Amino acid sequence: MGNTQESEFPIQLNLGPAIRQFFYSQLFITPRYPTHSFAGKTIIVTGSNVGLGLEAARHFYRLNAAKLILAVRTVSKGQAAKEDILKSVTARNDADAIEVWPLDQTSNQSTLEFCERVQKELPRLDAAVLNAGINTKEFRIVDDYEQVTQVNVLNTFLLALSLLPKLRDTKGEFPDETPHLTICY
């Protein structure tokens, strides 16, 4: 048998520099803000009252989105998020550009009603960032499915599939534009 270490693992990985670079970049490098303009664009961000959804919405507003829809389960929390965005982005003063729409992804009916409203009220939809999600330790059945699966998988994809026609319509009306659908996990 002999020395099997050399024959089985001929490549030695030196992860020290990579780990140092990772921590250095996480602690000391701040990425530049994006500069792409979203002027004239309509954007939907689900789960936009906290965390990554809130920050994504803040960026879209900072980048001049014509209409930003904060799709949230609790409208009062969505209004607080809207106020937070307006206070933090002082270079822009257009409160009418941000709307708070109710969307409870534990409910199939709420998800479908939201999509109907999108079809009826929005002349265009350029991007949808589907960021809403939950994680809970308690097992609960909602609309015949386990709650976490209902929100994170089933209604996320119901929402995505239901928004596709509006995204396609936008592409048809504005052939030079490319609508986007992003699902965050």
Protein backbone atom coordinates (compact mmCIF):
# COMPACT_ATOMS: atom_id res chain seq x y z
CA MET A 1 0.00 0.00 0.00
CA GLY A 2 2.74 2.46 0.87
CA ASN A 3 2.13 6.16 1.33
CA THR A 4 -1.45 6.71 0.10
CA GLN A 5 -1.62 10.38 1.00
CA GLU A 6 0.53 11.47 -1.92
CA SER A 7 -1.12 9.24 -4.51
CA GLU A 8 -4.75 9.90 -3.52
CA PHE A 9 -4.49 13.66 -2.96
CA PRO A 10 -1.87 15.08 -5.34
CA ILE A 11 -3.28 18.61 -5.11
CA GLN A 12 -2.67 20.54 -1.92
CA LEU A 13 -5.14 23.33 -1.25
CA ASN A 14 -3.82 26.40 0.45
CA LEU A 15 -6.97 28.20 1.54
CA GLY A 16 -5.22 30.71 3.79
CA PRO A 17 -4.97 33.52 1.19
CA ALA A 18 -8.54 32.95 0.00
CA ILE A 19 -9.91 33.09 3.53
CA ARG A 20 -7.92 36.24 4.29
CA GLN A 21 -9.19 37.86 1.07
CA PHE A 22 -12.78 36.89 1.93
CA PHE A 23 -12.65 38.47 5.39
CA TYR A 24 -10.81 41.53 4.10
CA SER A 25 -13.44 42.12 1.40
CA GLN A 26 -16.31 41.59 3.86
CA LEU A 27 -14.92 43.98 6.45
CA PHE A 28 -13.09 46.70 4.53
CA ILE A 29 -14.50 46.98 1.01
CA THR A 30 -17.79 48.75 0.37
CA PRO A 31 -19.21 48.09 -3.09
CA ARG A 32 -20.25 51.10 -5.12
CA TYR A 33 -23.93 51.82 -5.48
CA PRO A 34 -25.33 50.74 -8.84
CA THR A 35 -25.85 53.59 -11.29
CA HIS A 36 -28.27 52.05 -13.82
CA SER A 37 -31.34 54.24 -14.16
CA PHE A 38 -34.80 52.78 -13.62
CA ALA A 39 -36.51 55.98 -14.79
CA GLY A 40 -39.90 55.20 -16.30
CA LYS A 41 -39.85 51.63 -14.92
CA THR A 42 -42.36 49.88 -12.65
CA ILE A 43 -40.90 47.51 -10.07
CA ILE A 44 -42.55 45.14 -7.56
CA VAL A 45 -40.63 43.93 -4.50
CA THR A 46 -42.30 41.37 -2.23
CA GLY A 47 -41.25 41.11 1.39
CA SER A 48 -40.05 44.68 1.13
CA ASN A 49 -40.67 45.88 4.67
CA VAL A 50 -37.47 44.38 6.17
CA GLY A 51 -34.08 42.94 5.26
CA LEU A 52 -32.96 42.39 1.69
CA GLY A 53 -36.36 43.28 0.28
CA LEU A 54 -36.27 46.67 1.98
CA GLU A 55 -32.74 47.34 0.74
CA ALA A 56 -33.64 46.26 -2.80
CA ALA A 57 -36.63 48.61 -2.74
CA ARG A 58 -34.42 51.41 -1.42
CA HIS A 59 -32.00 50.89 -4.33
CA PHE A 60 -34.78 50.89 -6.93
CA TYR A 61 -36.15 54.14 -5.48
CA ARG A 62 -32.65 55.65 -5.38
CA LEU A 63 -32.25 54.65 -9.05
CA ASN A 64 -35.40 56.62 -9.99
CA ALA A 65 -37.99 53.89 -10.53
CA ALA A 66 -41.15 55.61 -11.74
CA LYS A 67 -43.35 53.33 -9.65
CA LEU A 68 -42.19 51.06 -6.84
CA ILE A 69 -44.72 48.62 -5.38
CA LEU A 70 -43.92 47.42 -1.85
CA ALA A 71 -45.85 44.14 -1.65
CA VAL A 72 -46.20 43.32 2.05
CA ARG A 73 -48.32 41.14 4.33
CA THR A 74 -48.94 43.96 6.85
CA VAL A 75 -49.75 47.33 5.27
CA SER A 76 -48.76 49.32 8.38
CA LYS A 77 -45.28 47.76 8.25
CA GLY A 78 -45.15 48.55 4.55
CA GLN A 79 -46.02 52.19 5.26
CA ALA A 80 -43.21 52.30 7.84
CA ALA A 81 -40.83 50.87 5.23
CA LYS A 82 -41.97 53.51 2.74
CA GLU A 83 -41.26 56.27 5.27
CA ASP A 84 -37.85 54.75 6.00
CA ILE A 85 -36.99 54.71 2.29
CA LEU A 86 -38.16 58.31 1.83
CA LYS A 87 -36.07 59.48 4.81
CA SER A 88 -32.94 57.64 3.72
CA VAL A 89 -32.96 58.69 0.06
CA THR A 90 -32.77 62.45 0.45
CA ALA A 91 -31.68 63.07 -3.15
CA ARG A 92 -35.20 62.23 -4.31
CA ASN A 93 -38.47 63.60 -2.99
CA ASP A 94 -41.27 61.69 -4.72
CA ALA A 95 -43.49 59.91 -2.20
CA ASP A 96 -46.05 59.17 -4.95
CA ALA A 97 -43.52 56.88 -6.65
CA ILE A 98 -43.85 54.33 -3.82
CA GLU A 99 -47.08 52.43 -3.23
CA VAL A 100 -47.79 49.84 -0.55
CA TRP A 101 -49.95 46.93 -1.70
CA PRO A 102 -51.13 44.08 0.53
CA LEU A 103 -49.90 40.59 -0.37
CA ASP A 104 -50.25 37.71 2.07
CA GLN A 105 -48.51 34.75 0.50
CA THR A 106 -49.98 32.36 3.05
CA SER A 107 -53.23 32.83 1.13
CA ASN A 108 -53.79 31.68 -2.45
CA GLN A 109 -56.67 34.15 -2.72
CA SER A 110 -54.52 37.10 -1.62
CA THR A 111 -51.83 36.12 -4.13
CA LEU A 112 -54.31 35.88 -7.00
CA GLU A 113 -56.02 39.16 -6.00
CA PHE A 114 -52.63 40.87 -5.99
CA CYS A 115 -51.92 39.57 -9.50
CA GLU A 116 -55.35 40.72 -10.73
CA ARG A 117 -54.62 44.18 -9.35
CA VAL A 118 -51.27 44.21 -11.16
CA GLN A 119 -53.00 43.30 -14.44
CA LYS A 120 -55.68 45.98 -14.00
CA GLU A 121 -53.79 48.90 -12.47
CA LEU A 122 -50.24 48.79 -13.79
CA PRO A 123 -49.66 49.92 -17.36
CA ARG A 124 -46.31 48.09 -17.35
CA LEU A 125 -44.19 45.83 -15.18
CA ASP A 126 -40.44 45.95 -15.73
CA ALA A 127 -39.20 43.89 -12.80
CA ALA A 128 -40.50 41.75 -9.99
CA VAL A 129 -38.26 40.77 -7.11
CA LEU A 130 -40.01 37.94 -5.25
CA ASN A 131 -38.27 38.10 -1.91
CA ALA A 132 -41.03 37.25 0.59
CA GLY A 133 -40.34 34.23 2.74
CA ILE A 134 -40.85 32.86 6.22
CA ASN A 135 -39.15 30.42 8.55
CA THR A 136 -40.91 29.17 11.63
CA LYS A 137 -40.49 26.27 14.02
CA GLU A 138 -44.20 25.65 14.44
CA PHE A 139 -46.03 23.40 11.99
CA ARG A 140 -49.18 25.04 10.67
CA ILE A 141 -51.51 24.15 7.81
CA VAL A 142 -52.69 27.07 5.64
CA ASP A 143 -54.83 26.58 2.51
CA ASP A 144 -54.26 22.81 2.76
CA TYR A 145 -50.45 23.11 2.80
CA GLU A 146 -47.75 23.55 5.42
CA GLN A 147 -47.24 27.29 5.96
CA VAL A 148 -43.53 27.56 5.13
CA THR A 149 -43.98 25.54 1.93
CA GLN A 150 -47.04 27.61 1.05
CA VAL A 151 -45.18 30.93 1.33
CA ASN A 152 -41.67 30.03 0.22
CA VAL A 153 -42.53 27.71 -2.67
CA LEU A 154 -46.14 27.35 -3.77
CA ASN A 155 -47.36 30.95 -3.68
CA THR A 156 -43.99 32.30 -4.78
CA PHE A 157 -44.31 30.29 -7.97
CA LEU A 158 -48.03 31.06 -8.28
CA LEU A 159 -47.08 34.73 -8.09
CA ALA A 160 -44.24 34.30 -10.60
CA LEU A 161 -46.41 32.46 -13.12
CA SER A 162 -49.25 34.95 -12.68
CA LEU A 163 -46.96 37.95 -13.26
CA LEU A 164 -45.42 36.54 -16.45
CA PRO A 165 -48.24 37.77 -18.74
CA LYS A 166 -47.76 41.36 -17.54
CA LEU A 167 -43.99 41.07 -17.98
CA ARG A 168 -44.56 39.71 -21.52
CA ASP A 169 -46.99 42.54 -22.29
CA THR A 170 -44.34 45.04 -21.20
CA LYS A 171 -41.82 43.42 -23.54
CA GLY A 172 -44.38 43.60 -26.36
CA GLU A 173 -45.05 47.31 -25.80
CA PHE A 174 -41.40 48.20 -25.21
CA PRO A 175 -39.32 45.82 -27.39
CA ASP A 176 -36.03 47.47 -26.43
CA GLU A 177 -36.67 46.75 -22.74
CA THR A 178 -36.11 43.40 -21.03
CA PRO A 179 -38.42 42.76 -18.07
CA HIS A 180 -36.95 40.73 -15.20
CA LEU A 181 -38.35 38.26 -12.70
CA THR A 182 -36.12 37.39 -9.75
CA ILE A 183 -36.91 34.80 -7.09
CA CYS A 184 -34.84 35.23 -3.93
CA TYR A 185 -34.11 32.38 -1.54
